Amino acid sequence: MTMTLSGAEIRALIQELVELQDRIDELRLAEKNRWSTSVEPHQELVRLSHREGEIVAVLRLQRLH
């Protein structure tokens, strides 16, 4: 059983998704331009991408209701 989210909760998820995508874009650009050789940005990219997938999955479930 899935819980139906309120409009405010959905807006908060969308806002988080936008912020995640902005940060993911920054990290990808940094990797592309080799601004950083650290493993940390890669780990952050993996973590953010995972959270992005979670949010998209929740929003897709809400679309079905």
C-alpha atoms as a PDB file:
ATOM      1  CA  MET A   1       0.000   0.000   0.000  1.00  0.00           C
ATOM      2  CA  THR A   2       1.363   3.402  -0.961  1.00  0.00           C
ATOM      3  CA  MET A   3       0.657   6.637   0.801  1.00  0.00           C
ATOM      4  CA  THR A   4      -0.722   9.562  -1.164  1.00  0.00           C
ATOM      5  CA  LEU A   5       1.372  12.660  -0.633  1.00  0.00           C
ATOM      6  CA  SER A   6      -0.040  16.143  -0.170  1.00  0.00           C
ATOM      7  CA  GLY A   7       0.581  18.857  -2.702  1.00  0.00           C
ATOM      8  CA  ALA A   8       3.121  20.459  -0.362  1.00  0.00           C
ATOM      9  CA  GLU A   9       5.007  17.160   0.008  1.00  0.00           C
ATOM     10  CA  ILE A  10       5.095  16.673  -3.755  1.00  0.00           C
ATOM     11  CA  ARG A  11       6.365  20.234  -4.258  1.00  0.00           C
ATOM     12  CA  ALA A  12       9.088  19.611  -1.651  1.00  0.00           C
ATOM     13  CA  LEU A  13      10.176  16.458  -3.495  1.00  0.00           C
ATOM     14  CA  ILE A  14      10.248  18.313  -6.803  1.00  0.00           C
ATOM     15  CA  GLN A  15      12.326  21.089  -5.230  1.00  0.00           C
ATOM     16  CA  GLU A  16      14.757  18.519  -3.809  1.00  0.00           C
ATOM     17  CA  LEU A  17      14.943  16.838  -7.211  1.00  0.00           C
ATOM     18  CA  VAL A  18      15.802  20.135  -8.917  1.00  0.00           C
ATOM     19  CA  GLU A  19      18.531  20.850  -6.349  1.00  0.00           C
ATOM     20  CA  LEU A  20      19.932  17.332  -6.737  1.00  0.00           C
ATOM     21  CA  GLN A  21      20.008  17.639 -10.502  1.00  0.00           C
ATOM     22  CA  ASP A  22      21.774  21.006 -10.283  1.00  0.00           C
ATOM     23  CA  ARG A  23      24.444  19.510  -8.013  1.00  0.00           C
ATOM     24  CA  ILE A  24      24.786  16.424 -10.239  1.00  0.00           C
ATOM     25  CA  ASP A  25      25.332  18.725 -13.225  1.00  0.00           C
ATOM     26  CA  GLU A  26      28.022  20.629 -11.290  1.00  0.00           C
ATOM     27  CA  LEU A  27      29.817  17.416 -10.366  1.00  0.00           C
ATOM     28  CA  ARG A  28      29.657  16.046 -13.907  1.00  0.00           C
ATOM     29  CA  LEU A  29      31.058  19.294 -15.271  1.00  0.00           C
ATOM     30  CA  ALA A  30      33.851  19.190 -12.704  1.00  0.00           C
ATOM     31  CA  GLU A  31      34.688  15.610 -13.717  1.00  0.00           C
ATOM     32  CA  LYS A  32      34.581  16.532 -17.389  1.00  0.00           C
ATOM     33  CA  ASN A  33      36.919  19.483 -16.832  1.00  0.00           C
ATOM     34  CA  ARG A  34      39.028  17.485 -14.374  1.00  0.00           C
ATOM     35  CA  TRP A  35      38.719  20.162 -11.720  1.00  0.00           C
ATOM     36  CA  SER A  36      39.049  17.495  -9.115  1.00  0.00           C
ATOM     37  CA  THR A  37      40.943  14.228  -8.976  1.00  0.00           C
ATOM     38  CA  SER A  38      39.407  13.341  -5.633  1.00  0.00           C
ATOM     39  CA  VAL A  39      37.265  10.240  -5.191  1.00  0.00           C
ATOM     40  CA  GLU A  40      34.897  12.278  -3.016  1.00  0.00           C
ATOM     41  CA  PRO A  41      33.027  14.004  -5.892  1.00  0.00           C
ATOM     42  CA  HIS A  42      32.471  10.612  -7.527  1.00  0.00           C
ATOM     43  CA  GLN A  43      31.044   9.206  -4.296  1.00  0.00           C
ATOM     44  CA  GLU A  44      28.790  12.236  -3.951  1.00  0.00           C
ATOM     45  CA  LEU A  45      27.628  11.786  -7.538  1.00  0.00           C
ATOM     46  CA  VAL A  46      26.714   8.164  -6.833  1.00  0.00           C
ATOM     47  CA  ARG A  47      24.856   9.136  -3.652  1.00  0.00           C
ATOM     48  CA  LEU A  48      22.975  11.978  -5.346  1.00  0.00           C
ATOM     49  CA  SER A  49      22.068   9.831  -8.345  1.00  0.00           C
ATOM     50  CA  HIS A  50      20.680   7.178  -6.005  1.00  0.00           C
ATOM     51  CA  ARG A  51      18.539   9.757  -4.184  1.00  0.00           C
ATOM     52  CA  GLU A  52      17.387  11.171  -7.526  1.00  0.00           C
ATOM     53  CA  GLY A  53      16.128   7.706  -8.489  1.00  0.00           C
ATOM     54  CA  GLU A  54      14.286   7.356  -5.190  1.00  0.00           C
ATOM     55  CA  ILE A  55      12.498  10.670  -5.658  1.00  0.00           C
ATOM     56  CA  VAL A  56      11.550   9.890  -9.247  1.00  0.00           C
ATOM     57  CA  ALA A  57      10.138   6.528  -8.137  1.00  0.00           C
ATOM     58  CA  VAL A  58       7.997   8.172  -5.433  1.00  0.00           C
ATOM     59  CA  LEU A  59       6.724  10.800  -7.867  1.00  0.00           C
ATOM     60  CA  ARG A  60       5.867   8.127 -10.432  1.00  0.00           C
ATOM     61  CA  LEU A  61       3.848   6.234  -7.823  1.00  0.00           C
ATOM     62  CA  GLN A  62       1.974   9.417  -6.997  1.00  0.00           C
ATOM     63  CA  ARG A  63       1.182   9.924 -10.665  1.00  0.00           C
ATOM     64  CA  LEU A  64      -0.671   6.612 -10.652  1.00  0.00           C
ATOM     65  CA  HIS A  65      -3.094   7.747  -7.926  1.00  0.00           C
END
